[in-house]
Amino acid sequence: MKRLMMFTLMGLLAVMLTLPVTALAQKKLKIGLGDPIDSDQGVLALRFKEIVEKTSGGRYTVDIFPAGQLGDEQKMVKDARRGSIDGAVVAINNITPFAKSVGVLTLPYLMQSFNDAVKATTGDLGDKWRDVLIKEAGVRVLGWGYSNFRVLTNSKRPVATLADLKGLKIRVPKNAIMIETWKALGAEPVPMAWPETFTALQQKVVDGQDNPHVANFSMKFYEVQKYTSECHYLFSLQPLVFGEKFFSGLSPEDQAMFTRAGIEAQQYNLLFSVTEAETAKQNMIKNGVAYNDIEDEDQWSKIAMDVVWPKFYDTVGGKPAVDDVVKALGR
């Protein structure tokens, strides 16, 4: 019996030694998205997948689960932290519950251009948020997705001024800053998970919602919304995060590979967002959604900074911390 077992083990070893190295070391990675695969989140994740699979020579394969298949975005952050999934692309507001100081990036009218968004997520500020999220949330940002400004859509009436907002029921994420912002502007925010949003709009539980043009089009909101308003209260950042426990367990070579893949995917996503936002907007219009500019957005901005910001200074690290970010943005 012992001789038979020995020969069996030797046979198995011989088979293993003839296998390609990639087959022995191959690892499947699981990345979740809150949005559909044809969204800004999908663009970031697909580019990351392409680079990792090619650079690793097949040692890693990346499976992407879009449209909330793995749960809502806050659940995906938790799951990445504890290792039940490897990574996720989520809206920045769904990470702030785990690292409150990062909430400064969701202050209304903090970022007022694509240039501001890039400055806020690269260089010294980018390093800061990476370190904060590792320490407080247990996840590491490998790349940032730039989804443009969250514009308002609704099914009730055109919105071009503050007065037009009064009484509109607007779906918002479960994020205190965004809730308080819409309250201060005169709307009625309704906190709601993203997967529930389309049905809520369809059944008129809420009148509207805010998201970038690409997300609005990919979610087919033109089927349930009549109007869109080009506001600029919040630039939508969508970081790709991996569990720090997973990342710290990689070899130095693989850590460098994942880091490079994240940076390249981030650059690719930025180019996509700059070029595709207008296309998505025009597609919304072609599908019957009426477009409106905001006539008094300077008033929106003033209310945000005077009323909303002071309520959250303590939450995001104090007024000096906010002032430091504003200064870094060159204002």
C-alpha atoms as a PDB file:
ATOM      1  CA  MET A   1       0.000   0.000   0.000  1.00  0.00           C
ATOM      2  CA  LYS A   2       2.838   2.389   0.904  1.00  0.00           C
ATOM      3  CA  ARG A   3       4.577   1.634  -2.398  1.00  0.00           C
ATOM      4  CA  LEU A   4       1.343   2.326  -4.306  1.00  0.00           C
ATOM      5  CA  MET A   5       0.850   5.633  -2.508  1.00  0.00           C
ATOM      6  CA  MET A   6       4.459   6.617  -3.201  1.00  0.00           C
ATOM      7  CA  PHE A   7       4.123   5.902  -6.932  1.00  0.00           C
ATOM      8  CA  THR A   8       0.808   7.814  -7.019  1.00  0.00           C
ATOM      9  CA  LEU A   9       2.398  10.866  -5.406  1.00  0.00           C
ATOM     10  CA  MET A  10       5.378  10.680  -7.746  1.00  0.00           C
ATOM     11  CA  GLY A  11       3.013  10.509 -10.706  1.00  0.00           C
ATOM     12  CA  LEU A  12       1.099  13.572  -9.510  1.00  0.00           C
ATOM     13  CA  LEU A  13       4.361  15.465  -9.005  1.00  0.00           C
ATOM     14  CA  ALA A  14       5.504  14.570 -12.505  1.00  0.00           C
ATOM     15  CA  VAL A  15       2.233  15.889 -13.959  1.00  0.00           C
ATOM     16  CA  MET A  16       2.534  19.130 -11.989  1.00  0.00           C
ATOM     17  CA  LEU A  17       6.099  19.652 -13.158  1.00  0.00           C
ATOM     18  CA  THR A  18       4.957  19.446 -16.791  1.00  0.00           C
ATOM     19  CA  LEU A  19       2.267  22.102 -16.343  1.00  0.00           C
ATOM     20  CA  PRO A  20       3.005  25.659 -17.561  1.00  0.00           C
ATOM     21  CA  VAL A  21       4.092  28.016 -14.808  1.00  0.00           C
ATOM     22  CA  THR A  22       1.089  30.291 -15.520  1.00  0.00           C
ATOM     23  CA  ALA A  23      -1.324  27.418 -14.897  1.00  0.00           C
ATOM     24  CA  LEU A  24       0.206  26.723 -11.508  1.00  0.00           C
ATOM     25  CA  ALA A  25       0.239  30.330 -10.360  1.00  0.00           C
ATOM     26  CA  GLN A  26      -2.940  31.606 -11.981  1.00  0.00           C
ATOM     27  CA  LYS A  27      -5.236  33.584  -9.699  1.00  0.00           C
ATOM     28  CA  LYS A  28      -8.698  34.862 -10.502  1.00  0.00           C
ATOM     29  CA  LEU A  29      -9.496  38.346  -9.250  1.00  0.00           C
ATOM     30  CA  LYS A  30     -13.034  39.483  -8.563  1.00  0.00           C
ATOM     31  CA  ILE A  31     -13.892  43.175  -9.093  1.00  0.00           C
ATOM     32  CA  GLY A  32     -17.349  44.599  -8.445  1.00  0.00           C
ATOM     33  CA  LEU A  33     -18.955  47.692  -9.987  1.00  0.00           C
ATOM     34  CA  GLY A  34     -21.984  49.648  -8.876  1.00  0.00           C
ATOM     35  CA  ASP A  35     -22.673  50.820 -12.443  1.00  0.00           C
ATOM     36  CA  PRO A  36     -23.204  48.938 -15.741  1.00  0.00           C
ATOM     37  CA  ILE A  37     -20.220  47.690 -17.715  1.00  0.00           C
ATOM     38  CA  ASP A  38     -20.641  50.434 -20.359  1.00  0.00           C
ATOM     39  CA  SER A  39     -20.235  53.191 -17.744  1.00  0.00           C
ATOM     40  CA  ASP A  40     -17.186  55.187 -16.637  1.00  0.00           C
ATOM     41  CA  GLN A  41     -16.664  52.590 -13.922  1.00  0.00           C
ATOM     42  CA  GLY A  42     -16.679  49.856 -16.550  1.00  0.00           C
ATOM     43  CA  VAL A  43     -14.134  51.685 -18.683  1.00  0.00           C
ATOM     44  CA  LEU A  44     -11.741  51.928 -15.724  1.00  0.00           C
ATOM     45  CA  ALA A  45     -12.202  48.295 -14.694  1.00  0.00           C
ATOM     46  CA  LEU A  46     -11.920  46.868 -18.220  1.00  0.00           C
ATOM     47  CA  ARG A  47      -8.705  48.769 -18.906  1.00  0.00           C
ATOM     48  CA  PHE A  48      -7.259  47.595 -15.599  1.00  0.00           C
ATOM     49  CA  LYS A  49      -8.238  43.999 -16.452  1.00  0.00           C
ATOM     50  CA  GLU A  50      -6.612  44.223 -19.881  1.00  0.00           C
ATOM     51  CA  ILE A  51      -3.341  45.560 -18.515  1.00  0.00           C
ATOM     52  CA  VAL A  52      -3.073  43.127 -15.590  1.00  0.00           C
ATOM     53  CA  GLU A  53      -3.858  40.049 -17.659  1.00  0.00           C
ATOM     54  CA  LYS A  54      -1.410  41.023 -20.382  1.00  0.00           C
ATOM     55  CA  THR A  55       1.406  42.193 -18.112  1.00  0.00           C
ATOM     56  CA  SER A  56       1.173  39.178 -15.835  1.00  0.00           C
ATOM     57  CA  GLY A  57       1.347  36.775 -18.777  1.00  0.00           C
ATOM     58  CA  GLY A  58      -1.865  35.132 -17.666  1.00  0.00           C
ATOM     59  CA  ARG A  59      -0.898  34.613 -14.029  1.00  0.00           C
ATOM     60  CA  TYR A  60      -3.877  36.784 -13.126  1.00  0.00           C
ATOM     61  CA  THR A  61      -7.316  36.834 -14.691  1.00  0.00           C
ATOM     62  CA  VAL A  62      -9.853  39.493 -13.739  1.00  0.00           C
ATOM     63  CA  ASP A  63     -13.587  38.829 -13.538  1.00  0.00           C
ATOM     64  CA  ILE A  64     -15.767  41.938 -13.465  1.00  0.00           C
ATOM     65  CA  PHE A  65     -19.243  41.947 -11.912  1.00  0.00           C
ATOM     66  CA  PRO A  66     -21.104  45.130 -12.950  1.00  0.00           C
ATOM     67  CA  ALA A  67     -24.421  46.733 -12.000  1.00  0.00           C
ATOM     68  CA  GLY A  68     -24.374  45.834  -8.322  1.00  0.00           C
ATOM     69  CA  GLN A  69     -24.165  42.068  -8.834  1.00  0.00           C
ATOM     70  CA  LEU A  70     -21.986  41.815  -5.720  1.00  0.00           C
ATOM     71  CA  GLY A  71     -24.162  44.160  -3.641  1.00  0.00           C
ATOM     72  CA  ASP A  72     -24.312  47.901  -3.153  1.00  0.00           C
ATOM     73  CA  GLU A  73     -21.113  49.936  -3.270  1.00  0.00           C
ATOM     74  CA  GLN A  74     -20.624  50.262   0.476  1.00  0.00           C
ATOM     75  CA  LYS A  75     -20.946  46.495   0.840  1.00  0.00           C
ATOM     76  CA  MET A  76     -18.309  46.045  -1.874  1.00  0.00           C
ATOM     77  CA  VAL A  77     -15.905  48.293   0.022  1.00  0.00           C
ATOM     78  CA  LYS A  78     -16.430  46.167   3.142  1.00  0.00           C
ATOM     79  CA  ASP A  79     -15.989  42.963   1.158  1.00  0.00           C
ATOM     80  CA  ALA A  80     -12.771  44.202  -0.454  1.00  0.00           C
ATOM     81  CA  ARG A  81     -11.439  45.161   2.969  1.00  0.00           C
ATOM     82  CA  ARG A  82     -12.092  41.723   4.428  1.00  0.00           C
ATOM     83  CA  GLY A  83     -11.025  39.852   1.284  1.00  0.00           C
ATOM     84  CA  SER A  84     -14.250  38.194   0.112  1.00  0.00           C
ATOM     85  CA  ILE A  85     -13.751  40.122  -3.143  1.00  0.00           C
ATOM     86  CA  ASP A  86     -10.495  41.589  -4.402  1.00  0.00           C
ATOM     87  CA  GLY A  87     -11.526  45.026  -5.577  1.00  0.00           C
ATOM     88  CA  ALA A  88     -14.319  47.391  -6.590  1.00  0.00           C
ATOM     89  CA  VAL A  89     -14.965  50.614  -8.450  1.00  0.00           C
ATOM     90  CA  VAL A  90     -17.275  52.792  -6.377  1.00  0.00           C
ATOM     91  CA  ALA A  91     -18.348  56.410  -6.053  1.00  0.00           C
ATOM     92  CA  ILE A  92     -16.193  58.338  -3.588  1.00  0.00           C
ATOM     93  CA  ASN A  93     -19.237  59.128  -1.451  1.00  0.00           C
ATOM     94  CA  ASN A  94     -19.601  55.398  -0.752  1.00  0.00           C
ATOM     95  CA  ILE A  95     -16.087  55.233   0.700  1.00  0.00           C
ATOM     96  CA  THR A  96     -16.410  58.236   3.004  1.00  0.00           C
ATOM     97  CA  PRO A  97     -18.384  56.299   5.665  1.00  0.00           C
ATOM     98  CA  PHE A  98     -15.181  54.307   6.246  1.00  0.00           C
ATOM     99  CA  ALA A  99     -12.777  57.267   6.069  1.00  0.00           C
ATOM    100  CA  LYS A 100     -14.562  60.473   6.977  1.00  0.00           C
ATOM    101  CA  SER A 101     -11.750  62.891   6.136  1.00  0.00           C
ATOM    102  CA  VAL A 102     -11.981  61.844   2.475  1.00  0.00           C
ATOM    103  CA  GLY A 103     -15.449  63.387   2.584  1.00  0.00           C
ATOM    104  CA  VAL A 104     -13.802  66.716   1.754  1.00  0.00           C
ATOM    105  CA  LEU A 105     -13.868  65.488  -1.862  1.00  0.00           C
ATOM    106  CA  THR A 106     -17.676  65.491  -1.733  1.00  0.00           C
ATOM    107  CA  LEU A 107     -18.073  69.060  -0.491  1.00  0.00           C
ATOM    108  CA  PRO A 108     -20.316  70.852  -2.999  1.00  0.00           C
ATOM    109  CA  TYR A 109     -18.515  73.187  -5.403  1.00  0.00           C
ATOM    110  CA  LEU A 110     -15.085  72.276  -4.013  1.00  0.00           C
ATOM    111  CA  MET A 111     -14.051  71.085  -7.472  1.00  0.00           C
ATOM    112  CA  GLN A 112     -15.150  73.294 -10.332  1.00  0.00           C
ATOM    113  CA  SER A 113     -13.367  71.765 -13.332  1.00  0.00           C
ATOM    114  CA  PHE A 114     -11.706  68.611 -14.656  1.00  0.00           C
ATOM    115  CA  ASN A 115      -8.401  70.237 -13.761  1.00  0.00           C
ATOM    116  CA  ASP A 116      -9.506  70.523 -10.125  1.00  0.00           C
ATOM    117  CA  ALA A 117     -10.528  66.853 -10.094  1.00  0.00           C
ATOM    118  CA  VAL A 118      -7.123  65.750 -11.382  1.00  0.00           C
ATOM    119  CA  LYS A 119      -5.268  67.997  -8.911  1.00  0.00           C
ATOM    120  CA  ALA A 120      -7.373  66.631  -6.059  1.00  0.00           C
ATOM    121  CA  THR A 121      -6.456  63.011  -6.814  1.00  0.00           C
ATOM    122  CA  THR A 122      -2.804  63.155  -7.894  1.00  0.00           C
ATOM    123  CA  GLY A 123       0.465  64.389  -6.454  1.00  0.00           C
ATOM    124  CA  ASP A 124       0.556  65.137  -2.725  1.00  0.00           C
ATOM    125  CA  LEU A 125      -3.234  65.060  -2.391  1.00  0.00           C
ATOM    126  CA  GLY A 126      -3.445  61.715  -4.178  1.00  0.00           C
ATOM    127  CA  ASP A 127      -0.811  60.302  -1.804  1.00  0.00           C
ATOM    128  CA  LYS A 128      -2.750  61.676   1.151  1.00  0.00           C
ATOM    129  CA  TRP A 129      -6.031  59.992   0.215  1.00  0.00           C
ATOM    130  CA  ARG A 130      -4.245  56.710  -0.519  1.00  0.00           C
ATOM    131  CA  ASP A 131      -2.654  56.674   2.930  1.00  0.00           C
ATOM    132  CA  VAL A 132      -5.870  57.716   4.683  1.00  0.00           C
ATOM    133  CA  LEU A 133      -7.904  54.997   2.975  1.00  0.00           C
ATOM    134  CA  ILE A 134      -5.322  52.322   3.790  1.00  0.00           C
ATOM    135  CA  LYS A 135      -5.293  53.319   7.443  1.00  0.00           C
ATOM    136  CA  GLU A 136      -8.984  54.028   8.004  1.00  0.00           C
ATOM    137  CA  ALA A 137     -10.862  51.963   5.407  1.00  0.00           C
ATOM    138  CA  GLY A 138      -8.470  49.071   4.839  1.00  0.00           C
ATOM    139  CA  VAL A 139      -8.481  49.578   1.070  1.00  0.00           C
ATOM    140  CA  ARG A 140      -5.908  50.964  -1.353  1.00  0.00           C
ATOM    141  CA  VAL A 141      -6.731  53.227  -4.284  1.00  0.00           C
ATOM    142  CA  LEU A 142      -5.058  51.893  -7.421  1.00  0.00           C
ATOM    143  CA  GLY A 143      -6.683  54.307  -9.851  1.00  0.00           C
ATOM    144  CA  TRP A 144      -9.243  57.080 -10.015  1.00  0.00           C
ATOM    145  CA  GLY A 145     -12.188  57.206 -12.370  1.00  0.00           C
ATOM    146  CA  TYR A 146     -13.288  60.675 -13.484  1.00  0.00           C
ATOM    147  CA  SER A 147     -16.996  60.638 -14.254  1.00  0.00           C
ATOM    148  CA  ASN A 148     -17.552  64.371 -14.701  1.00  0.00           C
ATOM    149  CA  PHE A 149     -20.079  66.491 -12.829  1.00  0.00           C
ATOM    150  CA  ARG A 150     -23.269  65.030 -11.412  1.00  0.00           C
ATOM    151  CA  VAL A 151     -26.048  66.714 -13.373  1.00  0.00           C
ATOM    152  CA  LEU A 152     -29.660  66.757 -12.247  1.00  0.00           C
ATOM    153  CA  THR A 153     -32.439  64.898 -14.043  1.00  0.00           C
ATOM    154  CA  ASN A 154     -36.123  64.883 -13.159  1.00  0.00           C
ATOM    155  CA  SER A 155     -39.554  64.036 -14.529  1.00  0.00           C
ATOM    156  CA  LYS A 156     -41.529  66.945 -13.114  1.00  0.00           C
ATOM    157  CA  ARG A 157     -40.358  70.270 -14.570  1.00  0.00           C
ATOM    158  CA  PRO A 158     -37.406  72.113 -16.112  1.00  0.00           C
ATOM    159  CA  VAL A 159     -34.875  73.283 -13.526  1.00  0.00           C
ATOM    160  CA  ALA A 160     -32.939  76.423 -14.419  1.00  0.00           C
ATOM    161  CA  THR A 161     -32.974  78.339 -11.105  1.00  0.00           C
ATOM    162  CA  LEU A 162     -33.015  77.718  -7.368  1.00  0.00           C
ATOM    163  CA  ALA A 163     -36.741  78.400  -7.299  1.00  0.00           C
ATOM    164  CA  ASP A 164     -37.331  75.512  -9.688  1.00  0.00           C
ATOM    165  CA  LEU A 165     -35.816  73.072  -7.180  1.00  0.00           C
ATOM    166  CA  LYS A 166     -38.351  73.749  -4.451  1.00  0.00           C
ATOM    167  CA  GLY A 167     -40.180  70.592  -3.450  1.00  0.00           C
ATOM    168  CA  LEU A 168     -38.518  68.262  -5.948  1.00  0.00           C
ATOM    169  CA  LYS A 169     -37.892  64.812  -4.479  1.00  0.00           C
ATOM    170  CA  ILE A 170     -34.330  63.939  -5.456  1.00  0.00           C
ATOM    171  CA  ARG A 171     -32.806  60.506  -4.954  1.00  0.00           C
ATOM    172  CA  VAL A 172     -29.404  60.790  -3.299  1.00  0.00           C
ATOM    173  CA  PRO A 173     -26.899  58.251  -1.978  1.00  0.00           C
ATOM    174  CA  LYS A 174     -26.830  57.682   1.772  1.00  0.00           C
ATOM    175  CA  ASN A 175     -24.291  60.467   2.174  1.00  0.00           C
ATOM    176  CA  ALA A 176     -24.827  63.225   4.732  1.00  0.00           C
ATOM    177  CA  ILE A 177     -23.058  65.955   2.742  1.00  0.00           C
ATOM    178  CA  MET A 178     -25.082  65.329  -0.403  1.00  0.00           C
ATOM    179  CA  ILE A 179     -28.303  65.152   1.609  1.00  0.00           C
ATOM    180  CA  GLU A 180     -27.599  68.476   3.307  1.00  0.00           C
ATOM    181  CA  THR A 181     -26.600  70.070   0.009  1.00  0.00           C
ATOM    182  CA  TRP A 182     -29.926  69.362  -1.672  1.00  0.00           C
ATOM    183  CA  LYS A 183     -31.788  70.461   1.463  1.00  0.00           C
ATOM    184  CA  ALA A 184     -29.915  73.757   1.501  1.00  0.00           C
ATOM    185  CA  LEU A 185     -30.748  74.290  -2.179  1.00  0.00           C
ATOM    186  CA  GLY A 186     -34.465  73.769  -1.532  1.00  0.00           C
ATOM    187  CA  ALA A 187     -35.059  70.233  -2.798  1.00  0.00           C
ATOM    188  CA  GLU A 188     -36.246  67.207  -0.812  1.00  0.00           C
ATOM    189  CA  PRO A 189     -33.444  64.607  -0.839  1.00  0.00           C
ATOM    190  CA  VAL A 190     -34.463  60.966  -0.506  1.00  0.00           C
ATOM    191  CA  PRO A 191     -31.569  58.641   0.488  1.00  0.00           C
ATOM    192  CA  MET A 192     -31.718  55.447  -1.547  1.00  0.00           C
ATOM    193  CA  ALA A 193     -29.439  52.630  -2.689  1.00  0.00           C
ATOM    194  CA  TRP A 194     -28.326  52.855  -6.307  1.00  0.00           C
ATOM    195  CA  PRO A 195     -29.899  49.559  -7.491  1.00  0.00           C
ATOM    196  CA  GLU A 196     -33.314  50.823  -6.359  1.00  0.00           C
ATOM    197  CA  THR A 197     -33.104  54.130  -8.208  1.00  0.00           C
ATOM    198  CA  PHE A 198     -34.473  53.281 -11.656  1.00  0.00           C
ATOM    199  CA  THR A 199     -37.581  51.608 -10.217  1.00  0.00           C
ATOM    200  CA  ALA A 200     -38.144  54.512  -7.836  1.00  0.00           C
ATOM    201  CA  LEU A 201     -37.993  56.969 -10.740  1.00  0.00           C
ATOM    202  CA  GLN A 202     -40.246  54.757 -12.834  1.00  0.00           C
ATOM    203  CA  GLN A 203     -42.850  54.531 -10.072  1.00  0.00           C
ATOM    204  CA  LYS A 204     -42.424  58.243  -9.241  1.00  0.00           C
ATOM    205  CA  VAL A 205     -41.450  57.548  -5.666  1.00  0.00           C
ATOM    206  CA  VAL A 206     -38.874  60.248  -6.405  1.00  0.00           C
ATOM    207  CA  ASP A 207     -38.913  62.932  -9.104  1.00  0.00           C
ATOM    208  CA  GLY A 208     -35.252  62.939 -10.025  1.00  0.00           C
ATOM    209  CA  GLN A 209     -31.649  62.040  -9.313  1.00  0.00           C
ATOM    210  CA  ASP A 210     -28.156  63.332 -10.014  1.00  0.00           C
ATOM    211  CA  ASN A 211     -25.365  61.535 -11.858  1.00  0.00           C
ATOM    212  CA  PRO A 212     -22.920  62.249 -14.692  1.00  0.00           C
ATOM    213  CA  HIS A 213     -24.217  62.172 -18.279  1.00  0.00           C
ATOM    214  CA  VAL A 214     -22.524  58.848 -19.079  1.00  0.00           C
ATOM    215  CA  ALA A 215     -24.159  57.112 -16.108  1.00  0.00           C
ATOM    216  CA  ASN A 216     -27.532  58.669 -16.913  1.00  0.00           C
ATOM    217  CA  PHE A 217     -27.389  57.368 -20.464  1.00  0.00           C
ATOM    218  CA  SER A 218     -26.005  53.927 -19.620  1.00  0.00           C
ATOM    219  CA  MET A 219     -28.800  53.487 -17.047  1.00  0.00           C
ATOM    220  CA  LYS A 220     -31.381  54.536 -19.687  1.00  0.00           C
ATOM    221  CA  PHE A 221     -32.775  57.242 -17.449  1.00  0.00           C
ATOM    222  CA  TYR A 222     -34.204  58.872 -20.575  1.00  0.00           C
ATOM    223  CA  GLU A 223     -36.982  56.295 -20.260  1.00  0.00           C
ATOM    224  CA  VAL A 224     -38.146  57.713 -16.925  1.00  0.00           C
ATOM    225  CA  GLN A 225     -36.871  61.340 -16.899  1.00  0.00           C
ATOM    226  CA  LYS A 226     -37.963  64.335 -18.960  1.00  0.00           C
ATOM    227  CA  TYR A 227     -35.450  67.046 -18.027  1.00  0.00           C
ATOM    228  CA  THR A 228     -31.736  67.402 -17.350  1.00  0.00           C
ATOM    229  CA  SER A 229     -30.030  70.420 -15.785  1.00  0.00           C
ATOM    230  CA  GLU A 230     -26.311  71.138 -16.188  1.00  0.00           C
ATOM    231  CA  CYS A 231     -25.338  71.843 -12.594  1.00  0.00           C
ATOM    232  CA  HIS A 232     -21.766  71.502 -11.291  1.00  0.00           C
ATOM    233  CA  TYR A 233     -22.176  71.013  -7.572  1.00  0.00           C
ATOM    234  CA  LEU A 234     -20.177  67.772  -7.350  1.00  0.00           C
ATOM    235  CA  PHE A 235     -17.531  66.169  -9.534  1.00  0.00           C
ATOM    236  CA  SER A 236     -18.073  62.415  -9.469  1.00  0.00           C
ATOM    237  CA  LEU A 237     -14.910  60.532  -8.567  1.00  0.00           C
ATOM    238  CA  GLN A 238     -14.941  56.733  -8.880  1.00  0.00           C
ATOM    239  CA  PRO A 239     -11.843  55.148  -7.331  1.00  0.00           C
ATOM    240  CA  LEU A 240     -10.755  51.587  -8.039  1.00  0.00           C
ATOM    241  CA  VAL A 241      -9.925  50.124  -4.631  1.00  0.00           C
ATOM    242  CA  PHE A 242      -8.380  46.820  -3.641  1.00  0.00           C
ATOM    243  CA  GLY A 243      -8.247  45.332  -0.180  1.00  0.00           C
ATOM    244  CA  GLU A 244      -5.010  46.401   1.490  1.00  0.00           C
ATOM    245  CA  LYS A 245      -4.683  42.921   2.990  1.00  0.00           C
ATOM    246  CA  PHE A 246      -4.656  41.482  -0.547  1.00  0.00           C
ATOM    247  CA  PHE A 247      -2.246  44.109  -1.881  1.00  0.00           C
ATOM    248  CA  SER A 248       0.249  43.812   0.986  1.00  0.00           C
ATOM    249  CA  GLY A 249       0.384  40.051   0.385  1.00  0.00           C
ATOM    250  CA  LEU A 250       1.643  40.496  -3.179  1.00  0.00           C
ATOM    251  CA  SER A 251       5.277  40.282  -4.158  1.00  0.00           C
ATOM    252  CA  PRO A 252       7.021  43.648  -4.706  1.00  0.00           C
ATOM    253  CA  GLU A 253       7.008  42.928  -8.445  1.00  0.00           C
ATOM    254  CA  ASP A 254       3.258  42.296  -8.501  1.00  0.00           C
ATOM    255  CA  GLN A 255       2.589  45.348  -6.336  1.00  0.00           C
ATOM    256  CA  ALA A 256       4.456  47.444  -8.900  1.00  0.00           C
ATOM    257  CA  MET A 257       2.509  45.802 -11.737  1.00  0.00           C
ATOM    258  CA  PHE A 258      -0.878  46.488 -10.098  1.00  0.00           C
ATOM    259  CA  THR A 259       0.142  50.064  -9.329  1.00  0.00           C
ATOM    260  CA  ARG A 260       1.175  50.714 -12.942  1.00  0.00           C
ATOM    261  CA  ALA A 261      -2.036  49.116 -14.218  1.00  0.00           C
ATOM    262  CA  GLY A 262      -4.080  51.398 -11.987  1.00  0.00           C
ATOM    263  CA  ILE A 263      -2.279  54.527 -13.164  1.00  0.00           C
ATOM    264  CA  GLU A 264      -2.638  53.603 -16.839  1.00  0.00           C
ATOM    265  CA  ALA A 265      -6.314  52.745 -16.390  1.00  0.00           C
ATOM    266  CA  GLN A 266      -6.829  56.085 -14.639  1.00  0.00           C
ATOM    267  CA  GLN A 267      -5.290  57.991 -17.555  1.00  0.00           C
ATOM    268  CA  TYR A 268      -7.396  56.049 -20.037  1.00  0.00           C
ATOM    269  CA  ASN A 269     -10.552  56.743 -18.033  1.00  0.00           C
ATOM    270  CA  LEU A 270      -9.805  60.464 -17.931  1.00  0.00           C
ATOM    271  CA  LEU A 271      -9.522  60.620 -21.707  1.00  0.00           C
ATOM    272  CA  PHE A 272     -12.752  58.637 -22.076  1.00  0.00           C
ATOM    273  CA  SER A 273     -14.648  60.923 -19.691  1.00  0.00           C
ATOM    274  CA  VAL A 274     -13.502  64.102 -21.415  1.00  0.00           C
ATOM    275  CA  THR A 275     -14.549  62.842 -24.845  1.00  0.00           C
ATOM    276  CA  GLU A 276     -17.649  60.786 -24.046  1.00  0.00           C
ATOM    277  CA  ALA A 277     -19.552  63.047 -21.631  1.00  0.00           C
ATOM    278  CA  GLU A 278     -20.809  65.294 -24.429  1.00  0.00           C
ATOM    279  CA  THR A 279     -21.772  62.275 -26.533  1.00  0.00           C
ATOM    280  CA  ALA A 280     -23.813  60.843 -23.665  1.00  0.00           C
ATOM    281  CA  LYS A 281     -25.486  64.206 -23.096  1.00  0.00           C
ATOM    282  CA  GLN A 282     -26.471  64.496 -26.757  1.00  0.00           C
ATOM    283  CA  ASN A 283     -27.802  60.934 -26.678  1.00  0.00           C
ATOM    284  CA  MET A 284     -30.008  61.826 -23.723  1.00  0.00           C
ATOM    285  CA  ILE A 285     -31.339  64.791 -25.696  1.00  0.00           C
ATOM    286  CA  LYS A 286     -31.911  62.632 -28.802  1.00  0.00           C
ATOM    287  CA  ASN A 287     -33.984  60.326 -26.638  1.00  0.00           C
ATOM    288  CA  GLY A 288     -36.315  63.146 -25.661  1.00  0.00           C
ATOM    289  CA  VAL A 289     -34.775  64.621 -22.501  1.00  0.00           C
ATOM    290  CA  ALA A 290     -34.955  68.447 -22.477  1.00  0.00           C
ATOM    291  CA  TYR A 291     -31.695  70.191 -21.607  1.00  0.00           C
ATOM    292  CA  ASN A 292     -31.380  73.241 -19.317  1.00  0.00           C
ATOM    293  CA  ASP A 293     -28.479  75.409 -18.181  1.00  0.00           C
ATOM    294  CA  ILE A 294     -28.505  76.781 -14.624  1.00  0.00           C
ATOM    295  CA  GLU A 295     -29.019  80.554 -14.722  1.00  0.00           C
ATOM    296  CA  ASP A 296     -28.056  81.382 -11.121  1.00  0.00           C
ATOM    297  CA  GLU A 297     -25.416  78.802 -10.249  1.00  0.00           C
ATOM    298  CA  ASP A 298     -23.341  81.418  -8.460  1.00  0.00           C
ATOM    299  CA  GLN A 299     -26.123  81.432  -5.851  1.00  0.00           C
ATOM    300  CA  TRP A 300     -26.019  77.623  -5.611  1.00  0.00           C
ATOM    301  CA  SER A 301     -22.274  77.802  -5.013  1.00  0.00           C
ATOM    302  CA  LYS A 302     -22.571  80.529  -2.368  1.00  0.00           C
ATOM    303  CA  ILE A 303     -25.231  78.600  -0.434  1.00  0.00           C
ATOM    304  CA  ALA A 304     -23.100  75.463  -0.579  1.00  0.00           C
ATOM    305  CA  MET A 305     -19.988  77.143   0.785  1.00  0.00           C
ATOM    306  CA  ASP A 306     -21.748  79.341   3.361  1.00  0.00           C
ATOM    307  CA  VAL A 307     -24.335  76.868   4.639  1.00  0.00           C
ATOM    308  CA  VAL A 308     -23.183  73.324   3.887  1.00  0.00           C
ATOM    309  CA  TRP A 309     -19.408  73.450   4.294  1.00  0.00           C
ATOM    310  CA  PRO A 310     -19.414  74.709   7.935  1.00  0.00           C
ATOM    311  CA  LYS A 311     -21.685  71.811   8.975  1.00  0.00           C
ATOM    312  CA  PHE A 312     -19.029  69.303   7.980  1.00  0.00           C
ATOM    313  CA  TYR A 313     -15.732  70.937   8.889  1.00  0.00           C
ATOM    314  CA  ASP A 314     -15.383  68.771  11.997  1.00  0.00           C
ATOM    315  CA  THR A 315     -16.312  65.617  10.077  1.00  0.00           C
ATOM    316  CA  VAL A 316     -13.677  66.044   7.360  1.00  0.00           C
ATOM    317  CA  GLY A 317     -10.804  67.086   9.601  1.00  0.00           C
ATOM    318  CA  GLY A 318     -11.514  70.718  10.387  1.00  0.00           C
ATOM    319  CA  LYS A 319     -11.667  73.949   8.421  1.00  0.00           C
ATOM    320  CA  PRO A 320      -7.851  74.128   8.059  1.00  0.00           C
ATOM    321  CA  ALA A 321      -7.934  70.744   6.278  1.00  0.00           C
ATOM    322  CA  VAL A 322     -10.521  72.072   3.834  1.00  0.00           C
ATOM    323  CA  ASP A 323      -8.528  75.276   3.367  1.00  0.00           C
ATOM    324  CA  ASP A 324      -5.436  73.207   2.546  1.00  0.00           C
ATOM    325  CA  VAL A 325      -7.285  71.376  -0.241  1.00  0.00           C
ATOM    326  CA  VAL A 326      -8.707  74.627  -1.609  1.00  0.00           C
ATOM    327  CA  LYS A 327      -5.202  76.108  -1.610  1.00  0.00           C
ATOM    328  CA  ALA A 328      -3.807  73.030  -3.354  1.00  0.00           C
ATOM    329  CA  LEU A 329      -6.405  73.508  -6.063  1.00  0.00           C
ATOM    330  CA  GLY A 330      -5.028  76.988  -6.659  1.00  0.00           C
ATOM    331  CA  ARG A 331      -7.940  79.020  -5.350  1.00  0.00           C
END
